[in-house]
């Protein structure tokens, strides 16, 4: 094709730059402007025949120029026939979108330039040259390629050339399959072309010339995924980072085609490796029955990852009180858990008592000098540190579901005098004695004289009885005294 045709193609599209070059052609970036918006596309150019040498070889075999022209024209017609299939698959998310094509004959000799316009995508090998694909990306690649192969199956197409060079990535992260037979047809025109690059992903039955079915595409996809999980190395090659020689490549092909058991790839979880190895099974009967079956296995694996990512354990800052409680919380069936089930529920009065000063014989007093675990509470809450021995309250049953326990607080570091710690018990005992004295006093008012009654009142005041009891006692004494005087006055009179 003339240079001017390369600069302006498909009417309003301009050739901007060369993106890449392969054995069967070149890929260019196209641009078109419309009302201030710039649109981009890719164009693949295939030249048939590849060189003048192929024409010379055809003539050497006894063909005249007309026969040579007809010979190469048949290849052009076969390639153009592939566009019909590509047009049928247009609009599928995981298949490269075909847009248009041109077949331009050479003006100065035998040959044609075939131009194919398609959506602009990034080759997956360009992506992997920048970075390694993650395990999740390899799983998505497998799922997307299975989707593409399912479309092929509905149209009765066997791709037969699944390899990284024919896989592309969209701006949205979708993997797409391209090159439906175009390069494979073009390679037939090259008499001395070595196909060892394609052999890397070829199923054994194809290599041996045996009958095959769509399972060969599943095998090739398995090898592609194996490579991306094995530091970009095919099966049986020396492990990364050891160097690779030509003899290593020949030996790896021989071992794979002969049916030697394939080792698992270096990376990936066990379930993913099993899926890949099943796809790469030497015998077709050992592979997935269809791309849909392989896709479902990969989707189940991906769904498990998403569920785990959506339901992580709640993050708790290290060193917080809740982190300390979670570490100390007994598991079901543990000794502490069994003890909790056997402990009686403590009533609210006992619970309130535990919140006050501990008794001299309590476990908290015995262990109050022990240091709490480091980082179990912030500095501002050091006086609220929990004691080493837990005391569970009636609130535990209500709060157990959220992992919150009512714990006994340890006493502060300040030791109180023994008299002060026993003061509540002493006052309570004195009041009991005073109440007994008062009851006896009231009963015996009839036989006590004034001096004895005064002495009793003094005792009541000394032991700090409630005021209402003292007032009641005084009132009864006055009443008794009044009756006594009345009896004396009546006697005197």
Protein backbone atom coordinates (compact mmCIF):
# COMPACT_ATOMS: atom_id res chain seq x y z
CA UNK A 1 0.00 0.00 0.00
CA UNK A 2 1.26 3.44 -0.85
CA UNK A 3 2.40 5.76 1.90
CA UNK A 4 -0.43 8.23 1.20
CA UNK A 5 -2.96 5.46 1.80
CA UNK A 6 -1.40 4.79 5.21
CA UNK A 7 -1.69 8.40 6.22
CA UNK A 8 -5.41 8.66 5.45
CA UNK A 9 -7.49 5.48 5.68
CA UNK A 10 -11.14 4.52 6.07
CA UNK A 11 -12.21 7.94 4.83
CA UNK A 12 -11.60 10.32 7.75
CA UNK A 13 -9.19 8.28 9.89
CA UNK A 14 -5.55 9.40 10.09
CA UNK A 15 -2.61 7.12 10.89
CA UNK A 16 -0.78 8.62 13.88
CA UNK A 17 1.82 6.13 15.04
CA UNK A 18 3.07 2.55 14.86
CA UNK A 19 2.07 0.64 17.99
CA UNK A 20 3.70 -2.70 17.30
CA UNK A 21 4.99 -5.13 14.75
CA UNK A 22 4.69 -8.91 14.56
CA UNK A 23 5.40 -11.79 12.22
CA UNK A 24 2.24 -11.19 10.18
CA UNK A 25 1.83 -7.43 10.16
CA UNK A 26 1.89 -4.09 11.91
CA UNK A 27 -0.54 -2.30 14.24
CA UNK A 28 -1.12 1.46 14.07
CA UNK A 29 -3.06 3.99 16.12
CA UNK A 30 -5.72 5.93 14.23
CA UNK A 31 -7.43 9.19 15.07
CA UNK A 32 -10.51 11.02 13.84
CA UNK A 33 -11.92 14.37 14.99
CA UNK A 34 -15.62 15.12 14.93
CA UNK A 35 -17.13 18.35 16.35
CA UNK A 36 -14.16 18.89 18.63
CA UNK A 37 -14.05 15.31 19.94
CA UNK A 38 -11.06 13.09 19.07
CA UNK A 39 -11.80 9.39 18.55
CA UNK A 40 -9.16 6.69 18.51
CA UNK A 41 -8.96 3.22 16.98
CA UNK A 42 -6.42 0.55 16.08
CA UNK A 43 -5.57 -0.67 12.61
CA UNK A 44 -3.87 -3.93 11.78
CA UNK A 45 -2.11 -4.17 8.43
CA UNK A 46 -1.31 -7.58 6.88
CA UNK A 47 0.64 -7.86 3.64
CA UNK A 48 0.18 -10.89 1.37
CA UNK A 49 2.57 -12.26 0.27
CA UNK A 50 4.94 -11.37 3.08
CA UNK A 51 7.89 -10.82 0.75
CA UNK A 52 9.08 -11.18 -2.83
CA UNK A 53 10.91 -14.32 -1.76
CA UNK A 54 7.59 -16.16 -1.46
CA UNK A 55 6.72 -15.21 -5.05
CA UNK A 56 10.09 -16.48 -6.25
CA UNK A 57 9.59 -19.80 -4.44
CA UNK A 58 6.17 -20.21 -6.08
CA UNK A 59 7.66 -19.58 -9.53
CA UNK A 60 10.45 -22.06 -8.81
CA UNK A 61 7.80 -24.73 -8.25
CA UNK A 62 6.62 -24.32 -11.87
CA UNK A 63 3.83 -21.75 -11.48
CA UNK A 64 3.35 -18.96 -13.99
CA UNK A 65 2.53 -15.45 -12.82
CA UNK A 66 -1.20 -15.93 -13.29
CA UNK A 67 -1.12 -19.09 -11.14
CA UNK A 68 0.98 -17.30 -8.53
CA UNK A 69 -1.56 -14.47 -8.41
CA UNK A 70 -4.43 -16.93 -8.01
CA UNK A 71 -2.55 -18.79 -5.31
CA UNK A 72 -2.10 -15.75 -3.07
CA UNK A 73 -5.55 -14.38 -3.89
CA UNK A 74 -7.05 -17.50 -2.28
CA UNK A 75 -5.38 -16.58 0.99
CA UNK A 76 -6.79 -13.06 0.82
CA UNK A 77 -10.29 -14.45 0.29
CA UNK A 78 -9.88 -16.77 3.29
CA UNK A 79 -8.81 -13.89 5.51
CA UNK A 80 -11.68 -11.69 4.35
CA UNK A 81 -14.01 -14.59 5.11
CA UNK A 82 -12.86 -14.39 8.73
CA UNK A 83 -14.32 -10.88 8.93
CA UNK A 84 -17.81 -12.31 8.59
CA UNK A 85 -17.30 -14.26 11.81
CA UNK A 86 -15.79 -11.21 13.54
CA UNK A 87 -18.81 -9.12 12.58
CA UNK A 88 -21.13 -11.72 14.15
CA UNK A 89 -19.26 -11.49 17.45
CA UNK A 90 -19.23 -7.69 17.54
CA UNK A 91 -20.65 -6.21 20.75
CA UNK A 92 -19.46 -8.95 23.11
CA UNK A 93 -17.61 -7.62 26.15
CA UNK A 94 -14.76 -10.12 25.99
CA UNK A 95 -14.10 -10.17 22.24
CA UNK A 96 -12.15 -7.48 20.38
CA UNK A 97 -14.66 -5.38 18.46
CA UNK A 98 -14.21 -5.49 14.71
CA UNK A 99 -15.23 -2.25 13.00
CA UNK A 100 -14.24 -2.31 9.31
CA UNK A 101 -11.76 -3.71 6.81
CA UNK A 102 -10.21 -2.99 3.44
CA UNK A 103 -8.35 -5.23 0.94
CA UNK A 104 -6.20 -3.04 -1.32
CA UNK A 105 -4.34 -4.68 -4.24
CA UNK A 106 -0.77 -3.67 -5.00
CA UNK A 107 -0.46 -1.54 -8.10
CA UNK A 108 3.09 -2.57 -8.96
CA UNK A 109 2.97 -6.34 -8.61
CA UNK A 110 1.35 -9.36 -7.01
CA UNK A 111 0.01 -8.77 -3.53
CA UNK A 112 -2.57 -7.13 -1.27
CA UNK A 113 -2.62 -4.92 1.82
CA UNK A 114 -5.36 -5.99 4.23
CA UNK A 115 -6.37 -3.26 6.67
CA UNK A 116 -8.53 -4.11 9.70
CA UNK A 117 -9.93 -1.34 11.91
CA UNK A 118 -10.86 -2.34 15.48
CA UNK A 119 -11.14 -0.88 18.95
CA UNK A 120 -7.95 0.43 20.52
CA UNK A 121 -6.82 -1.83 23.38
CA UNK A 122 -3.67 -2.58 25.32
CA UNK A 123 -1.99 -5.93 24.65
CA UNK A 124 -1.78 -8.02 27.82
CA UNK A 125 1.94 -8.59 27.20
CA UNK A 126 2.47 -4.83 27.36
CA UNK A 127 0.71 -4.79 30.72
CA UNK A 128 2.75 -7.70 32.09
CA UNK A 129 5.95 -6.00 30.90
CA UNK A 130 5.21 -3.24 33.43
CA UNK A 131 4.09 -5.43 36.30
CA UNK A 132 3.09 -8.95 37.31
CA UNK A 133 -0.59 -9.84 37.17
CA UNK A 134 -2.13 -10.44 40.58
CA UNK A 135 -3.85 -13.72 41.40
CA UNK A 136 -7.23 -11.98 41.19
CA UNK A 137 -6.36 -10.62 37.73
CA UNK A 138 -5.33 -14.07 36.51
CA UNK A 139 -8.68 -15.44 37.72
CA UNK A 140 -10.53 -12.62 35.92
CA UNK A 141 -8.52 -13.25 32.76
CA UNK A 142 -9.58 -16.88 32.86
CA UNK A 143 -13.26 -15.97 33.43
CA UNK A 144 -13.26 -13.40 30.61
CA UNK A 145 -11.59 -15.77 28.15
CA UNK A 146 -14.12 -18.48 29.03
CA UNK A 147 -16.90 -16.00 28.23
CA UNK A 148 -15.27 -15.37 24.84
CA UNK A 149 -14.92 -19.09 24.14
CA UNK A 150 -18.59 -19.63 25.04
CA UNK A 151 -19.52 -17.13 22.30
CA UNK A 152 -17.24 -18.99 19.90
CA UNK A 153 -18.92 -22.24 20.83
CA UNK A 154 -22.38 -20.87 20.03
CA UNK A 155 -21.11 -19.93 16.56
CA UNK A 156 -19.30 -23.23 16.06
CA UNK A 157 -15.86 -21.62 16.11
CA UNK A 158 -12.68 -23.19 17.47
CA UNK A 159 -10.12 -20.42 17.93
CA UNK A 160 -7.06 -22.73 18.02
CA UNK A 161 -4.67 -19.90 18.79
CA UNK A 162 -5.25 -18.83 22.41
CA UNK A 163 -2.04 -17.15 23.53
CA UNK A 164 -1.01 -13.92 25.32
CA UNK A 165 -0.33 -12.19 21.99
CA UNK A 166 -4.04 -12.47 21.18
CA UNK A 167 -5.35 -11.22 24.53
CA UNK A 168 -5.96 -7.52 25.17
CA UNK A 169 -7.10 -5.31 28.08
CA UNK A 170 -9.68 -2.53 27.90
CA UNK A 171 -9.58 0.75 29.81
CA UNK A 172 -12.20 -0.74 32.16
CA UNK A 173 -10.02 -3.75 32.98
CA UNK A 174 -11.86 -6.33 30.85
CA UNK A 175 -9.77 -8.95 29.04
CA UNK A 176 -10.64 -9.48 25.38
CA UNK A 177 -9.82 -12.18 22.84
CA UNK A 178 -8.81 -11.21 19.32
CA UNK A 179 -7.24 -12.51 16.09
CA UNK A 180 -9.79 -15.07 14.93
CA UNK A 181 -7.82 -17.02 12.37
CA UNK A 182 -6.35 -14.06 10.49
CA UNK A 183 -2.72 -14.57 11.47
CA UNK A 184 -3.14 -18.34 11.25
CA UNK A 185 -4.22 -18.02 7.62
CA UNK A 186 -1.46 -15.56 6.83
CA UNK A 187 1.20 -17.88 8.18
CA UNK A 188 0.34 -20.48 5.53
CA UNK A 189 1.85 -18.18 2.92
CA UNK A 190 5.24 -18.26 4.61
CA UNK A 191 7.03 -21.38 3.51
CA UNK A 192 9.88 -21.18 5.99
CA UNK A 193 7.99 -19.81 9.03
CA UNK A 194 8.86 -21.40 12.35
CA UNK A 195 5.75 -21.87 14.53
CA UNK A 196 7.51 -22.73 17.78
CA UNK A 197 6.01 -19.66 19.47
CA UNK A 198 2.54 -21.08 18.89
CA UNK A 199 3.62 -24.58 19.97
CA UNK A 200 4.04 -23.31 23.53
CA UNK A 201 0.25 -23.16 23.96
CA UNK A 202 -0.77 -25.90 21.52
CA UNK A 203 -2.71 -28.91 22.75
CA UNK A 204 -0.92 -32.27 22.29
CA UNK A 205 -3.59 -33.65 19.93
CA UNK A 206 -3.22 -30.62 17.63
CA UNK A 207 0.55 -30.95 17.63
CA UNK A 208 0.30 -34.64 16.74
CA UNK A 209 -2.27 -34.06 14.00
CA UNK A 210 -4.97 -36.05 15.77
CA UNK A 211 -8.72 -35.23 15.71
CA UNK A 212 -9.65 -32.51 18.19
CA UNK A 213 -12.57 -30.43 19.40
CA UNK A 214 -13.14 -27.18 21.32
CA UNK A 215 -11.24 -28.67 24.27
CA UNK A 216 -8.00 -27.53 22.62
CA UNK A 217 -8.91 -23.91 23.41
CA UNK A 218 -9.43 -24.83 27.08
CA UNK A 219 -5.97 -26.45 27.10
CA UNK A 220 -4.35 -23.36 25.56
CA UNK A 221 -6.10 -21.06 28.06
CA UNK A 222 -4.82 -23.25 30.89
CA UNK A 223 -1.24 -22.85 29.62
CA UNK A 224 -1.71 -19.06 29.40
CA UNK A 225 -2.91 -18.92 33.02
CA UNK A 226 -0.10 -21.27 34.07
CA UNK A 227 2.43 -18.89 32.57
CA UNK A 228 1.05 -15.86 34.43
CA UNK A 229 1.13 -17.83 37.72
CA UNK A 230 4.67 -19.08 37.08
CA UNK A 231 6.70 -15.88 36.72
CA UNK A 232 5.86 -15.71 33.00
CA UNK A 233 7.38 -19.13 32.29
CA UNK A 234 5.75 -22.08 30.53
CA UNK A 235 5.62 -25.57 32.12
CA UNK A 236 8.89 -27.51 32.48
CA UNK A 237 11.10 -24.45 31.93
CA UNK A 238 13.80 -23.77 34.56
CA UNK A 239 12.29 -21.99 37.59
CA UNK A 240 12.64 -18.24 37.88
CA UNK A 241 15.18 -16.60 38.06
CA UNK A 242 17.38 -19.26 36.45
CA UNK A 243 18.39 -18.49 32.85
CA UNK A 244 16.65 -20.22 29.93
CA UNK A 245 18.51 -21.75 26.99
CA UNK A 246 17.28 -22.92 23.60
CA UNK A 247 17.70 -26.55 24.67
CA UNK A 248 15.53 -25.83 27.74
CA UNK A 249 12.69 -24.72 25.46
CA UNK A 250 13.03 -27.79 23.27
CA UNK A 251 13.06 -30.08 26.30
CA UNK A 252 10.02 -28.40 27.87
CA UNK A 253 8.01 -28.86 24.66
CA UNK A 254 9.00 -32.52 24.40
CA UNK A 255 8.07 -33.25 28.02
CA UNK A 256 4.70 -31.52 27.71
CA UNK A 257 3.72 -33.13 24.40
CA UNK A 258 4.80 -36.58 25.62
CA UNK A 259 2.34 -36.38 28.51
CA UNK A 260 4.71 -36.02 31.46
CA UNK A 261 2.93 -34.97 34.65
CA UNK A 262 2.91 -31.21 34.79
CA UNK A 263 4.16 -29.59 38.02
CA UNK A 264 1.91 -26.93 39.55
CA UNK A 265 2.75 -23.26 38.88
CA UNK A 266 4.87 -21.46 41.43
CA UNK A 267 2.21 -18.96 42.57
CA UNK A 268 -1.47 -19.05 43.43
CA UNK A 269 -3.59 -20.85 45.99
CA UNK A 270 -4.13 -24.58 45.82
CA UNK A 271 -7.65 -24.36 44.36
CA UNK A 272 -6.51 -22.12 41.50
CA UNK A 273 -3.59 -24.40 40.69
CA UNK A 274 -5.95 -27.37 40.55
CA UNK A 275 -8.20 -25.56 38.06
CA UNK A 276 -5.23 -24.66 35.84
CA UNK A 277 -3.77 -28.18 35.92
CA UNK A 278 -7.15 -29.68 35.06
CA UNK A 279 -7.45 -27.37 32.06
CA UNK A 280 -3.96 -28.47 31.00
CA UNK A 281 -4.71 -32.18 31.32
CA UNK A 282 -2.85 -34.24 28.71
CA UNK A 283 -5.92 -36.33 27.90
CA UNK A 284 -8.95 -34.36 26.63
CA UNK A 285 -11.25 -36.40 28.87
CA UNK A 286 -9.47 -35.03 31.95
CA UNK A 287 -10.16 -31.38 31.08
CA UNK A 288 -13.25 -29.29 31.73
CA UNK A 289 -16.10 -30.40 29.53
CA UNK A 290 -16.79 -26.86 28.34
CA UNK A 291 -15.61 -23.26 28.80
CA UNK A 292 -18.77 -22.67 30.88
CA UNK A 293 -17.75 -25.39 33.36
CA UNK A 294 -14.27 -23.90 33.73
CA UNK A 295 -15.75 -20.41 34.13
CA UNK A 296 -18.07 -21.58 36.91
CA UNK A 297 -15.14 -23.10 38.80
CA UNK A 298 -13.22 -19.82 38.54
CA UNK A 299 -16.26 -17.74 39.52
CA UNK A 300 -16.78 -19.82 42.65
CA UNK A 301 -13.16 -19.16 43.57
CA UNK A 302 -13.57 -15.42 42.92
CA UNK A 303 -16.85 -15.30 44.88
CA UNK A 304 -15.13 -16.81 47.91
CA UNK A 305 -12.52 -14.03 47.81
CA UNK A 306 -15.18 -11.33 47.60
CA UNK A 307 -17.11 -12.73 50.56
CA UNK A 308 -13.94 -12.81 52.63
CA UNK A 309 -13.10 -9.23 51.63
CA UNK A 310 -16.61 -7.93 52.45
CA UNK A 311 -16.75 -9.52 55.91
CA UNK A 312 -13.41 -8.87 57.59
CA UNK A 313 -13.05 -9.03 61.36
CA UNK A 314 -13.79 -5.65 62.91
CA UNK A 315 -10.60 -3.71 63.31
CA UNK A 316 -9.74 -2.94 66.96
CA UNK A 317 -6.88 -0.56 67.74
CA UNK A 318 -3.93 -2.32 69.28
CA UNK A 319 -3.56 -1.66 72.99
CA UNK A 320 -7.20 -0.72 73.55
CA UNK A 321 -9.30 -2.10 76.39
CA UNK A 322 -11.46 -4.01 73.88
CA UNK A 323 -8.39 -5.63 72.33
CA UNK A 324 -7.29 -6.79 75.77
CA UNK A 325 -10.75 -8.18 76.49
CA UNK A 326 -10.89 -10.06 73.20
CA UNK A 327 -7.54 -11.71 73.87
CA UNK A 328 -8.70 -12.76 77.36
CA UNK A 329 -12.19 -13.91 76.38
CA UNK A 330 -12.51 -17.67 76.98
CA UNK A 331 -13.36 -19.93 74.09
CA UNK A 332 -16.33 -22.29 74.15
CA UNK A 333 -15.56 -25.43 76.12
CA UNK A 334 -12.57 -23.92 77.90
CA UNK A 335 -12.11 -24.26 81.65
CA UNK A 336 -12.99 -20.62 82.25
CA UNK A 337 -16.02 -20.89 79.98
CA UNK A 338 -17.26 -23.92 81.95
CA UNK A 339 -16.71 -22.08 85.22
CA UNK A 340 -18.80 -19.17 83.99
CA UNK A 341 -21.69 -21.47 83.21
CA UNK A 342 -21.55 -22.99 86.70
CA UNK A 343 -21.35 -19.68 88.61
CA UNK A 344 -24.67 -18.50 90.11
CA UNK A 345 -26.13 -15.22 88.98
CA UNK A 346 -25.34 -12.50 91.49
CA UNK A 347 -28.18 -10.21 92.56
CA UNK A 348 -28.04 -6.47 92.13
CA UNK A 349 -27.24 -5.82 95.82
CA UNK A 350 -24.20 -8.08 95.69
CA UNK A 351 -23.19 -6.47 92.43
CA UNK A 352 -23.42 -3.03 94.02
CA UNK A 353 -21.35 -4.21 96.93
CA UNK A 354 -18.58 -5.34 94.61
CA UNK A 355 -18.48 -1.88 93.10
CA UNK A 356 -17.64 -0.49 96.57
CA UNK A 357 -14.62 -1.17 98.74
CA UNK A 358 -13.50 -4.84 98.62
CA UNK A 359 -13.41 -6.92 101.75
CA UNK A 360 -10.11 -7.91 103.30
CA UNK A 361 -10.35 -11.49 102.09
CA UNK A 362 -11.41 -10.81 98.48
CA UNK A 363 -9.38 -11.91 95.49
CA UNK A 364 -9.05 -8.30 94.35
CA UNK A 365 -7.35 -7.25 97.61
CA UNK A 366 -5.07 -10.25 97.45
CA UNK A 367 -3.98 -9.28 93.93
CA UNK A 368 -4.31 -5.51 93.99
CA UNK A 369 -0.54 -4.97 93.76
CA UNK A 370 -0.29 -6.98 90.52
CA UNK A 371 0.43 -4.97 87.39
CA UNK A 372 -2.26 -5.16 84.64
CA UNK A 373 -1.23 -6.27 81.12
CA UNK A 374 0.81 -3.69 79.24
CA UNK A 375 -1.28 -1.55 76.95
CA UNK A 376 -4.57 -2.83 78.38
CA UNK A 377 -5.85 0.69 79.11
CA UNK A 378 -4.89 4.28 78.26
CA UNK A 379 -2.93 6.33 80.80
CA UNK A 380 -6.00 8.33 81.81
CA UNK A 381 -7.81 5.14 82.83
CA UNK A 382 -5.10 3.52 84.95
CA UNK A 383 -7.28 3.77 88.08
CA UNK A 384 -9.94 1.79 86.22
CA UNK A 385 -7.73 -1.18 85.30
CA UNK A 386 -9.39 -4.52 85.55
CA UNK A 387 -8.05 -7.04 88.06
CA UNK A 388 -6.40 -10.28 86.97
CA UNK A 389 -9.22 -12.42 88.40
CA UNK A 390 -12.61 -11.73 86.74
CA UNK A 391 -15.85 -11.42 88.65
CA UNK A 392 -18.88 -11.69 86.37
CA UNK A 393 -22.17 -10.01 87.27
CA UNK A 394 -25.81 -10.54 86.34
CA UNK A 395 -25.22 -8.08 83.48
CA UNK A 396 -23.02 -10.67 81.78
CA UNK A 397 -25.94 -12.64 80.30
CA UNK A 398 -27.27 -9.52 78.57
CA UNK A 399 -23.91 -8.32 77.33
CA UNK A 400 -22.20 -11.60 76.44
CA UNK A 401 -23.36 -11.43 72.83
CA UNK A 402 -21.29 -8.31 72.23
CA UNK A 403 -18.32 -9.53 74.24
CA UNK A 404 -18.70 -6.99 77.06
CA UNK A 405 -18.18 -8.13 80.63
CA UNK A 406 -18.86 -6.35 83.90
CA UNK A 407 -15.59 -6.74 85.71
CA UNK A 408 -14.57 -6.07 89.27
CA UNK A 409 -12.38 -3.00 89.60
CA UNK A 410 -9.10 -3.29 91.39
CA UNK A 411 -8.44 -0.98 94.33
CA UNK A 412 -6.13 1.94 93.80
CA UNK A 413 -2.52 1.82 94.91
CA UNK A 414 -3.28 3.84 98.14
CA UNK A 415 -3.64 1.53 101.14
CA UNK A 416 -6.32 2.58 103.65
CA UNK A 417 -6.03 2.11 107.44
CA UNK A 418 -7.57 -1.09 108.77
CA UNK A 419 -9.95 0.92 110.97
CA UNK A 420 -11.30 2.88 108.00
CA UNK A 421 -11.85 -0.27 105.91
CA UNK A 422 -13.86 -1.86 108.77
CA UNK A 423 -15.86 1.28 109.67
CA UNK A 424 -19.07 0.32 107.78
CA UNK A 425 -19.23 -3.07 109.51
CA UNK A 426 -18.59 -1.49 112.99
CA UNK A 427 -21.33 1.14 112.58
CA UNK A 428 -23.76 -1.48 111.38
CA UNK A 429 -23.02 -3.67 114.41
CA UNK A 430 -23.45 -0.79 116.85
CA UNK A 431 -26.78 0.13 115.35
CA UNK A 432 -28.03 -3.39 115.80
CA UNK A 433 -27.06 -3.34 119.48
CA UNK A 434 -28.66 0.09 119.98
CA UNK A 435 -31.92 -1.04 118.44
CA UNK A 436 -32.01 -3.98 120.87
CA UNK A 437 -31.33 -1.64 123.82
CA UNK A 438 -34.06 0.73 122.67
CA UNK A 439 -36.62 -2.04 122.34
CA UNK A 440 -35.78 -3.26 125.82
CA UNK A 441 -35.91 0.31 127.15
CA UNK A 442 -39.35 0.90 125.72
CA UNK A 443 -40.65 -2.39 127.12
CA UNK A 444 -39.17 -1.72 130.54
CA UNK A 445 -40.27 1.89 130.88
CA UNK A 446 -42.82 0.80 133.43
CA UNK A 447 -40.15 -0.45 135.82
CA UNK A 448 -37.27 2.02 135.13
CA UNK A 449 -36.78 5.20 137.08
CA UNK A 450 -35.84 8.60 135.68
CA UNK A 451 -32.09 8.13 136.18
CA UNK A 452 -32.03 4.83 134.30
CA UNK A 453 -34.07 6.30 131.46
CA UNK A 454 -31.66 9.26 131.14
CA UNK A 455 -28.72 6.89 131.05
CA UNK A 456 -30.38 4.91 128.24
CA UNK A 457 -30.94 8.03 126.19
CA UNK A 458 -27.30 9.03 126.62
CA UNK A 459 -26.26 5.64 125.29
CA UNK A 460 -28.58 6.03 122.28
CA UNK A 461 -27.10 9.42 121.42
CA UNK A 462 -23.55 8.11 121.82
CA UNK A 463 -24.06 5.33 119.29
CA UNK A 464 -25.54 7.73 116.70
CA UNK A 465 -28.99 6.26 116.28
CA UNK A 466 -31.25 7.84 113.65
CA UNK A 467 -32.92 11.00 115.00
CA UNK A 468 -36.44 9.65 114.58
CA UNK A 469 -35.71 6.78 116.99
CA UNK A 470 -34.36 9.16 119.64
CA UNK A 471 -37.36 11.51 119.28
CA UNK A 472 -39.73 8.57 119.64
CA UNK A 473 -37.93 7.43 122.75
CA UNK A 474 -38.10 10.95 124.34
CA UNK A 475 -41.80 11.21 123.55
CA UNK A 476 -42.57 7.87 125.18
CA UNK A 477 -40.52 8.79 128.24
CA UNK A 478 -42.41 12.09 128.60
CA UNK A 479 -45.72 10.30 128.37
CA UNK A 480 -44.64 7.76 130.96
CA UNK A 481 -43.35 10.49 133.24
CA UNK A 482 -46.62 12.39 132.99
CA UNK A 483 -48.62 9.31 133.99
CA UNK A 484 -46.25 8.69 136.86
CA UNK A 485 -46.70 12.21 138.24
CA UNK A 486 -50.43 11.84 138.00
CA UNK A 487 -50.30 8.72 140.10
CA UNK A 488 -48.07 10.48 142.73
CA UNK A 489 -50.32 13.54 142.85
CA UNK A 490 -53.42 11.40 143.32
CA UNK A 491 -51.69 9.52 146.16
CA UNK A 492 -50.67 12.75 147.93
CA UNK A 493 -54.08 14.19 147.63
